[in-house]
Amino acid sequence: AKQAYKGRSTEFDGQFDIPTFEEVIRLAKEET
């Protein structure tokens, strides 16, 4: 992933994967 909005930090570009919907659901449960 990369930053999509111009003018915002690109420091973390190229570091994070593209998640599946199931992975987001799991994350929400873990954060809960």
All heavy atoms as atom14 arrays in JSON, in Angstrom:
{
  "sequence": "AKQAYKGRSTEFDGQFDIPTFEEVIRLAKEET",
  "atom14_mask": [
    [1, 1, 1, 1, 1, 0, 0, 0, 0, 0, 0, 0, 0, 0],
    [1, 1, 1, 1, 1, 1, 1, 1, 1, 0, 0, 0, 0, 0],
    [1, 1, 1, 1, 1, 1, 1, 1, 1, 0, 0, 0, 0, 0],
    [1, 1, 1, 1, 1, 0, 0, 0, 0, 0, 0, 0, 0, 0],
    [1, 1, 1, 1, 1, 1, 1, 1, 1, 1, 1, 1, 0, 0],
    [1, 1, 1, 1, 1, 1, 1, 1, 1, 0, 0, 0, 0, 0],
    [1, 1, 1, 1, 0, 0, 0, 0, 0, 0, 0, 0, 0, 0],
    [1, 1, 1, 1, 1, 1, 1, 1, 1, 1, 1, 0, 0, 0],
    [1, 1, 1, 1, 1, 1, 0, 0, 0, 0, 0, 0, 0, 0],
    [1, 1, 1, 1, 1, 1, 1, 0, 0, 0, 0, 0, 0, 0],
    [1, 1, 1, 1, 1, 1, 1, 1, 1, 0, 0, 0, 0, 0],
    [1, 1, 1, 1, 1, 1, 1, 1, 1, 1, 1, 0, 0, 0],
    [1, 1, 1, 1, 1, 1, 1, 1, 0, 0, 0, 0, 0, 0],
    [1, 1, 1, 1, 0, 0, 0, 0, 0, 0, 0, 0, 0, 0],
    [1, 1, 1, 1, 1, 1, 1, 1, 1, 0, 0, 0, 0, 0],
    [1, 1, 1, 1, 1, 1, 1, 1, 1, 1, 1, 0, 0, 0],
    [1, 1, 1, 1, 1, 1, 1, 1, 0, 0, 0, 0, 0, 0],
    [1, 1, 1, 1, 1, 1, 1, 1, 0, 0, 0, 0, 0, 0],
    [1, 1, 1, 1, 1, 1, 1, 0, 0, 0, 0, 0, 0, 0],
    [1, 1, 1, 1, 1, 1, 1, 0, 0, 0, 0, 0, 0, 0],
    [1, 1, 1, 1, 1, 1, 1, 1, 1, 1, 1, 0, 0, 0],
    [1, 1, 1, 1, 1, 1, 1, 1, 1, 0, 0, 0, 0, 0],
    [1, 1, 1, 1, 1, 1, 1, 1, 1, 0, 0, 0, 0, 0],
    [1, 1, 1, 1, 1, 1, 1, 0, 0, 0, 0, 0, 0, 0],
    [1, 1, 1, 1, 1, 1, 1, 1, 0, 0, 0, 0, 0, 0],
    [1, 1, 1, 1, 1, 1, 1, 1, 1, 1, 1, 0, 0, 0],
    [1, 1, 1, 1, 1, 1, 1, 1, 0, 0, 0, 0, 0, 0],
    [1, 1, 1, 1, 1, 0, 0, 0, 0, 0, 0, 0, 0, 0],
    [1, 1, 1, 1, 1, 1, 1, 1, 1, 0, 0, 0, 0, 0],
    [1, 1, 1, 1, 1, 1, 1, 1, 1, 0, 0, 0, 0, 0],
    [1, 1, 1, 1, 1, 1, 1, 1, 1, 0, 0, 0, 0, 0],
    [1, 1, 1, 1, 1, 1, 1, 0, 0, 0, 0, 0, 0, 0]
  ],
  "atom14_positions": [
    [[0.83, -1.21, 0.0], [0.0, 0.0, 0.0], [0.86, 1.26, 0.0], [2.01, 1.25, 0.46], [-0.91, -0.01, 1.22], [0.0, 0.0, 0.0], [0.0, 0.0, 0.0], [0.0, 0.0, 0.0], [0.0, 0.0, 0.0], [0.0, 0.0, 0.0], [0.0, 0.0, 0.0], [0.0, 0.0, 0.0], [0.0, 0.0, 0.0], [0.0, 0.0, 0.0]],
    [[0.26, 2.34, -0.52], [0.93, 3.63, -0.47], [-0.1, 4.72, -0.16], [-1.3, 4.52, -0.32], [1.64, 3.94, -1.79], [0.71, 4.2, -2.97], [1.51, 4.53, -4.23], [0.59, 4.91, -5.4], [1.36, 5.22, -6.62], [0.0, 0.0, 0.0], [0.0, 0.0, 0.0], [0.0, 0.0, 0.0], [0.0, 0.0, 0.0], [0.0, 0.0, 0.0]],
    [[0.39, 5.84, 0.31], [-0.47, 6.98, 0.64], [-1.15, 7.49, -0.63], [-0.49, 7.72, -1.65], [0.35, 8.1, 1.29], [-0.43, 9.37, 1.59], [-1.6, 9.16, 2.54], [-2.77, 9.21, 2.13], [-1.3, 8.91, 3.8], [0.0, 0.0, 0.0], [0.0, 0.0, 0.0], [0.0, 0.0, 0.0], [0.0, 0.0, 0.0], [0.0, 0.0, 0.0]],
    [[-2.48, 7.63, -0.57], [-3.24, 8.02, -1.76], [-3.54, 9.51, -1.81], [-3.88, 10.03, -2.88], [-4.54, 7.23, -1.81], [0.0, 0.0, 0.0], [0.0, 0.0, 0.0], [0.0, 0.0, 0.0], [0.0, 0.0, 0.0], [0.0, 0.0, 0.0], [0.0, 0.0, 0.0], [0.0, 0.0, 0.0], [0.0, 0.0, 0.0], [0.0, 0.0, 0.0]],
    [[-3.42, 10.2, -0.68], [-3.87, 11.58, -0.61], [-2.66, 12.51, -0.67], [-1.76, 12.45, 0.16], [-4.65, 11.82, 0.69], [-5.64, 12.96, 0.62], [-6.98, 12.74, 0.32], [-5.23, 14.27, 0.86], [-7.88, 13.78, 0.26], [-6.13, 15.32, 0.81], [-7.45, 15.07, 0.5], [-8.35, 16.11, 0.44], [0.0, 0.0, 0.0], [0.0, 0.0, 0.0]],
    [[-2.64, 13.38, -1.67], [-1.52, 14.29, -1.86], [-1.34, 15.21, -0.65], [-2.31, 15.72, -0.09], [-1.72, 15.12, -3.12], [-1.63, 14.31, -4.41], [-1.79, 15.21, -5.63], [-1.69, 14.39, -6.92], [-1.87, 15.24, -8.13], [0.0, 0.0, 0.0], [0.0, 0.0, 0.0], [0.0, 0.0, 0.0], [0.0, 0.0, 0.0], [0.0, 0.0, 0.0]],
    [[-0.09, 15.42, -0.26], [0.21, 16.31, 0.84], [0.35, 15.61, 2.18], [0.77, 16.22, 3.16], [0.0, 0.0, 0.0], [0.0, 0.0, 0.0], [0.0, 0.0, 0.0], [0.0, 0.0, 0.0], [0.0, 0.0, 0.0], [0.0, 0.0, 0.0], [0.0, 0.0, 0.0], [0.0, 0.0, 0.0], [0.0, 0.0, 0.0], [0.0, 0.0, 0.0]],
    [[0.01, 14.31, 2.23], [0.14, 13.56, 3.47], [1.43, 12.72, 3.43], [1.99, 12.46, 2.38], [-1.08, 12.67, 3.69], [-2.35, 13.47, 3.9], [-3.56, 12.56, 4.1], [-4.78, 13.35, 4.24], [-6.0, 12.84, 4.27], [-6.16, 11.52, 4.16], [-7.06, 13.62, 4.41], [0.0, 0.0, 0.0], [0.0, 0.0, 0.0], [0.0, 0.0, 0.0]],
    [[1.84, 12.28, 4.59], [3.12, 11.59, 4.73], [3.17, 10.32, 3.88], [2.24, 9.52, 3.85], [3.35, 11.21, 6.2], [4.5, 10.39, 6.33], [0.0, 0.0, 0.0], [0.0, 0.0, 0.0], [0.0, 0.0, 0.0], [0.0, 0.0, 0.0], [0.0, 0.0, 0.0], [0.0, 0.0, 0.0], [0.0, 0.0, 0.0], [0.0, 0.0, 0.0]],
    [[4.3, 10.14, 3.19], [4.55, 8.92, 2.42], [5.58, 8.03, 3.13], [6.12, 7.1, 2.53], [5.06, 9.27, 1.01], [6.25, 10.07, 1.13], [4.0, 10.06, 0.24], [0.0, 0.0, 0.0], [0.0, 0.0, 0.0], [0.0, 0.0, 0.0], [0.0, 0.0, 0.0], [0.0, 0.0, 0.0], [0.0, 0.0, 0.0], [0.0, 0.0, 0.0]],
    [[5.83, 8.31, 4.39], [6.84, 7.6, 5.16], [6.63, 6.09, 5.18], [7.6, 5.31, 5.21], [6.86, 8.14, 6.59], [7.82, 7.44, 7.53], [7.71, 7.93, 8.96], [6.9, 8.87, 9.22], [8.41, 7.37, 9.83], [0.0, 0.0, 0.0], [0.0, 0.0, 0.0], [0.0, 0.0, 0.0], [0.0, 0.0, 0.0], [0.0, 0.0, 0.0]],
    [[5.37, 5.68, 5.16], [5.06, 4.25, 5.31], [4.71, 3.56, 3.99], [4.26, 2.42, 3.99], [3.91, 4.08, 6.31], [4.23, 4.61, 7.68], [3.81, 5.89, 8.06], [4.97, 3.85, 8.58], [4.12, 6.38, 9.31], [5.28, 4.34, 9.84], [4.86, 5.61, 10.21], [0.0, 0.0, 0.0], [0.0, 0.0, 0.0], [0.0, 0.0, 0.0]],
    [[4.94, 4.25, 2.89], [4.66, 3.64, 1.59], [5.51, 2.39, 1.4], [6.69, 2.35, 1.77], [4.96, 4.63, 0.46], [3.91, 5.69, 0.31], [3.03, 5.79, 1.19], [3.95, 6.44, -0.69], [0.0, 0.0, 0.0], [0.0, 0.0, 0.0], [0.0, 0.0, 0.0], [0.0, 0.0, 0.0], [0.0, 0.0, 0.0], [0.0, 0.0, 0.0]],
    [[4.89, 1.35, 0.83], [5.63, 0.14, 0.51], [5.86, -0.8, 1.67], [6.57, -1.8, 1.54], [0.0, 0.0, 0.0], [0.0, 0.0, 0.0], [0.0, 0.0, 0.0], [0.0, 0.0, 0.0], [0.0, 0.0, 0.0], [0.0, 0.0, 0.0], [0.0, 0.0, 0.0], [0.0, 0.0, 0.0], [0.0, 0.0, 0.0], [0.0, 0.0, 0.0]],
    [[5.23, -0.52, 2.83], [5.47, -1.35, 4.02], [4.33, -2.3, 4.36], [4.57, -3.33, 4.99], [5.74, -0.45, 5.23], [6.97, 0.41, 5.12], [7.26, 1.18, 6.41], [6.91, 0.74, 7.5], [7.9, 2.34, 6.27], [0.0, 0.0, 0.0], [0.0, 0.0, 0.0], [0.0, 0.0, 0.0], [0.0, 0.0, 0.0], [0.0, 0.0, 0.0]],
    [[3.09, -1.98, 3.94], [1.94, -2.71, 4.44], [1.23, -3.49, 3.32], [1.13, -3.02, 2.19], [0.94, -1.76, 5.1], [1.53, -0.91, 6.19], [1.17, 0.42, 6.32], [2.47, -1.43, 7.07], [1.7, 1.21, 7.32], [3.01, -0.66, 8.08], [2.63, 0.68, 8.21], [0.0, 0.0, 0.0], [0.0, 0.0, 0.0], [0.0, 0.0, 0.0]],
    [[0.71, -4.66, 3.69], [0.01, -5.52, 2.73], [-1.4, -5.04, 2.45], [-1.96, -4.2, 3.18], [-0.08, -6.95, 3.29], [1.28, -7.62, 3.39], [2.22, -7.17, 2.72], [1.39, -8.6, 4.16], [0.0, 0.0, 0.0], [0.0, 0.0, 0.0], [0.0, 0.0, 0.0], [0.0, 0.0, 0.0], [0.0, 0.0, 0.0], [0.0, 0.0, 0.0]],
    [[-2.01, -5.62, 1.41], [-3.41, -5.37, 1.08], [-4.24, -6.44, 1.8], [-4.09, -7.64, 1.52], [-3.65, -5.46, -0.44], [-2.61, -4.64, -1.2], [-5.09, -5.05, -0.77], [-2.48, -3.21, -0.77], [0.0, 0.0, 0.0], [0.0, 0.0, 0.0], [0.0, 0.0, 0.0], [0.0, 0.0, 0.0], [0.0, 0.0, 0.0], [0.0, 0.0, 0.0]],
    [[-5.12, -6.06, 2.72], [-5.85, -7.07, 3.5], [-7.1, -7.59, 2.79], [-7.66, -6.93, 1.91], [-6.23, -6.32, 4.77], [-6.35, -4.89, 4.34], [-5.35, -4.69, 3.22], [0.0, 0.0, 0.0], [0.0, 0.0, 0.0], [0.0, 0.0, 0.0], [0.0, 0.0, 0.0], [0.0, 0.0, 0.0], [0.0, 0.0, 0.0], [0.0, 0.0, 0.0]],
    [[-7.5, -8.78, 3.21], [-8.81, -9.31, 2.82], [-9.85, -8.82, 3.8], [-9.53, -8.34, 4.9], [-8.81, -10.84, 2.82], [-8.6, -11.3, 4.17], [-7.72, -11.39, 1.91], [0.0, 0.0, 0.0], [0.0, 0.0, 0.0], [0.0, 0.0, 0.0], [0.0, 0.0, 0.0], [0.0, 0.0, 0.0], [0.0, 0.0, 0.0], [0.0, 0.0, 0.0]],
    [[-11.13, -8.96, 3.43], [-12.21, -8.58, 4.33], [-12.16, -9.41, 5.6], [-12.36, -8.9, 6.7], [-13.54, -8.76, 3.62], [-14.74, -8.32, 4.42], [-14.7, -7.18, 5.22], [-15.93, -9.04, 4.35], [-15.82, -6.77, 5.95], [-17.05, -8.65, 5.08], [-16.99, -7.52, 5.88], [0.0, 0.0, 0.0], [0.0, 0.0, 0.0], [0.0, 0.0, 0.0]],
    [[-11.88, -10.7, 5.46], [-11.8, -11.58, 6.63], [-10.72, -11.12, 7.6], [-10.9, -11.18, 8.83], [-11.54, -13.02, 6.19], [-12.71, -13.7, 5.52], [-12.84, -13.34, 4.05], [-12.02, -12.55, 3.54], [-13.78, -13.85, 3.4], [0.0, 0.0, 0.0], [0.0, 0.0, 0.0], [0.0, 0.0, 0.0], [0.0, 0.0, 0.0], [0.0, 0.0, 0.0]],
    [[-9.61, -10.63, 7.08], [-8.53, -10.15, 7.95], [-8.95, -8.9, 8.7], [-8.58, -8.71, 9.87], [-7.28, -9.88, 7.11], [-6.58, -11.14, 6.62], [-5.45, -10.86, 5.64], [-5.55, -9.88, 4.86], [-4.48, -11.63, 5.65], [0.0, 0.0, 0.0], [0.0, 0.0, 0.0], [0.0, 0.0, 0.0], [0.0, 0.0, 0.0], [0.0, 0.0, 0.0]],
    [[-9.73, -8.04, 8.08], [-10.22, -6.84, 8.75], [-11.2, -7.21, 9.87], [-11.18, -6.64, 10.96], [-10.86, -5.87, 7.76], [-11.48, -4.68, 8.49], [-9.83, -5.38, 6.74], [0.0, 0.0, 0.0], [0.0, 0.0, 0.0], [0.0, 0.0, 0.0], [0.0, 0.0, 0.0], [0.0, 0.0, 0.0], [0.0, 0.0, 0.0], [0.0, 0.0, 0.0]],
    [[-12.07, -8.18, 9.6], [-13.0, -8.65, 10.63], [-12.23, -9.19, 11.83], [-12.54, -8.86, 12.99], [-13.94, -9.72, 10.07], [-14.89, -9.12, 9.03], [-14.74, -10.38, 11.2], [-15.76, -10.15, 8.31], [0.0, 0.0, 0.0], [0.0, 0.0, 0.0], [0.0, 0.0, 0.0], [0.0, 0.0, 0.0], [0.0, 0.0, 0.0], [0.0, 0.0, 0.0]],
    [[-11.2, -9.99, 11.57], [-10.39, -10.53, 12.66], [-9.73, -9.42, 13.46], [-9.68, -9.46, 14.69], [-9.31, -11.49, 12.12], [-9.8, -12.9, 11.87], [-8.64, -13.88, 11.82], [-7.69, -13.57, 10.77], [-7.81, -13.99, 9.51], [-8.86, -14.72, 9.16], [-6.9, -13.68, 8.62], [0.0, 0.0, 0.0], [0.0, 0.0, 0.0], [0.0, 0.0, 0.0]],
    [[-9.22, -8.43, 12.76], [-8.58, -7.31, 13.44], [-9.57, -6.58, 14.35], [-9.24, -6.24, 15.49], [-8.0, -6.33, 12.42], [-7.42, -5.05, 13.04], [-6.04, -5.33, 13.59], [-7.39, -3.92, 12.04], [0.0, 0.0, 0.0], [0.0, 0.0, 0.0], [0.0, 0.0, 0.0], [0.0, 0.0, 0.0], [0.0, 0.0, 0.0], [0.0, 0.0, 0.0]],
    [[-10.78, -6.34, 13.85], [-11.79, -5.64, 14.65], [-12.09, -6.42, 15.93], [-12.25, -5.85, 17.01], [-13.06, -5.43, 13.84], [0.0, 0.0, 0.0], [0.0, 0.0, 0.0], [0.0, 0.0, 0.0], [0.0, 0.0, 0.0], [0.0, 0.0, 0.0], [0.0, 0.0, 0.0], [0.0, 0.0, 0.0], [0.0, 0.0, 0.0], [0.0, 0.0, 0.0]],
    [[-12.16, -7.74, 15.82], [-12.42, -8.57, 17.0], [-11.25, -8.51, 17.98], [-11.43, -8.41, 19.2], [-12.71, -10.0, 16.58], [-14.02, -10.18, 15.83], [-14.28, -11.64, 15.51], [-15.65, -11.81, 14.88], [-15.99, -13.22, 14.63], [0.0, 0.0, 0.0], [0.0, 0.0, 0.0], [0.0, 0.0, 0.0], [0.0, 0.0, 0.0], [0.0, 0.0, 0.0]],
    [[-10.04, -8.58, 17.43], [-8.85, -8.5, 18.28], [-8.77, -7.16, 18.99], [-8.45, -7.09, 20.19], [-7.6, -8.73, 17.42], [-7.45, -10.15, 16.92], [-6.39, -10.28, 15.83], [-5.79, -9.25, 15.47], [-6.19, -11.41, 15.33], [0.0, 0.0, 0.0], [0.0, 0.0, 0.0], [0.0, 0.0, 0.0], [0.0, 0.0, 0.0], [0.0, 0.0, 0.0]],
    [[-9.05, -6.08, 18.27], [-9.0, -4.75, 18.88], [-10.11, -4.57, 19.91], [-9.93, -3.89, 20.92], [-9.1, -3.67, 17.79], [-7.87, -3.57, 16.91], [-6.64, -3.07, 17.65], [-6.79, -2.26, 18.59], [-5.52, -3.5, 17.3], [0.0, 0.0, 0.0], [0.0, 0.0, 0.0], [0.0, 0.0, 0.0], [0.0, 0.0, 0.0], [0.0, 0.0, 0.0]],
    [[-11.25, -5.18, 19.68], [-12.34, -5.14, 20.65], [-11.91, -5.77, 21.96], [-12.13, -5.21, 23.05], [-13.58, -5.86, 20.08], [-14.11, -5.09, 19.0], [-14.66, -6.03, 21.14], [0.0, 0.0, 0.0], [0.0, 0.0, 0.0], [0.0, 0.0, 0.0], [0.0, 0.0, 0.0], [0.0, 0.0, 0.0], [0.0, 0.0, 0.0], [0.0, 0.0, 0.0]]
  ]
}
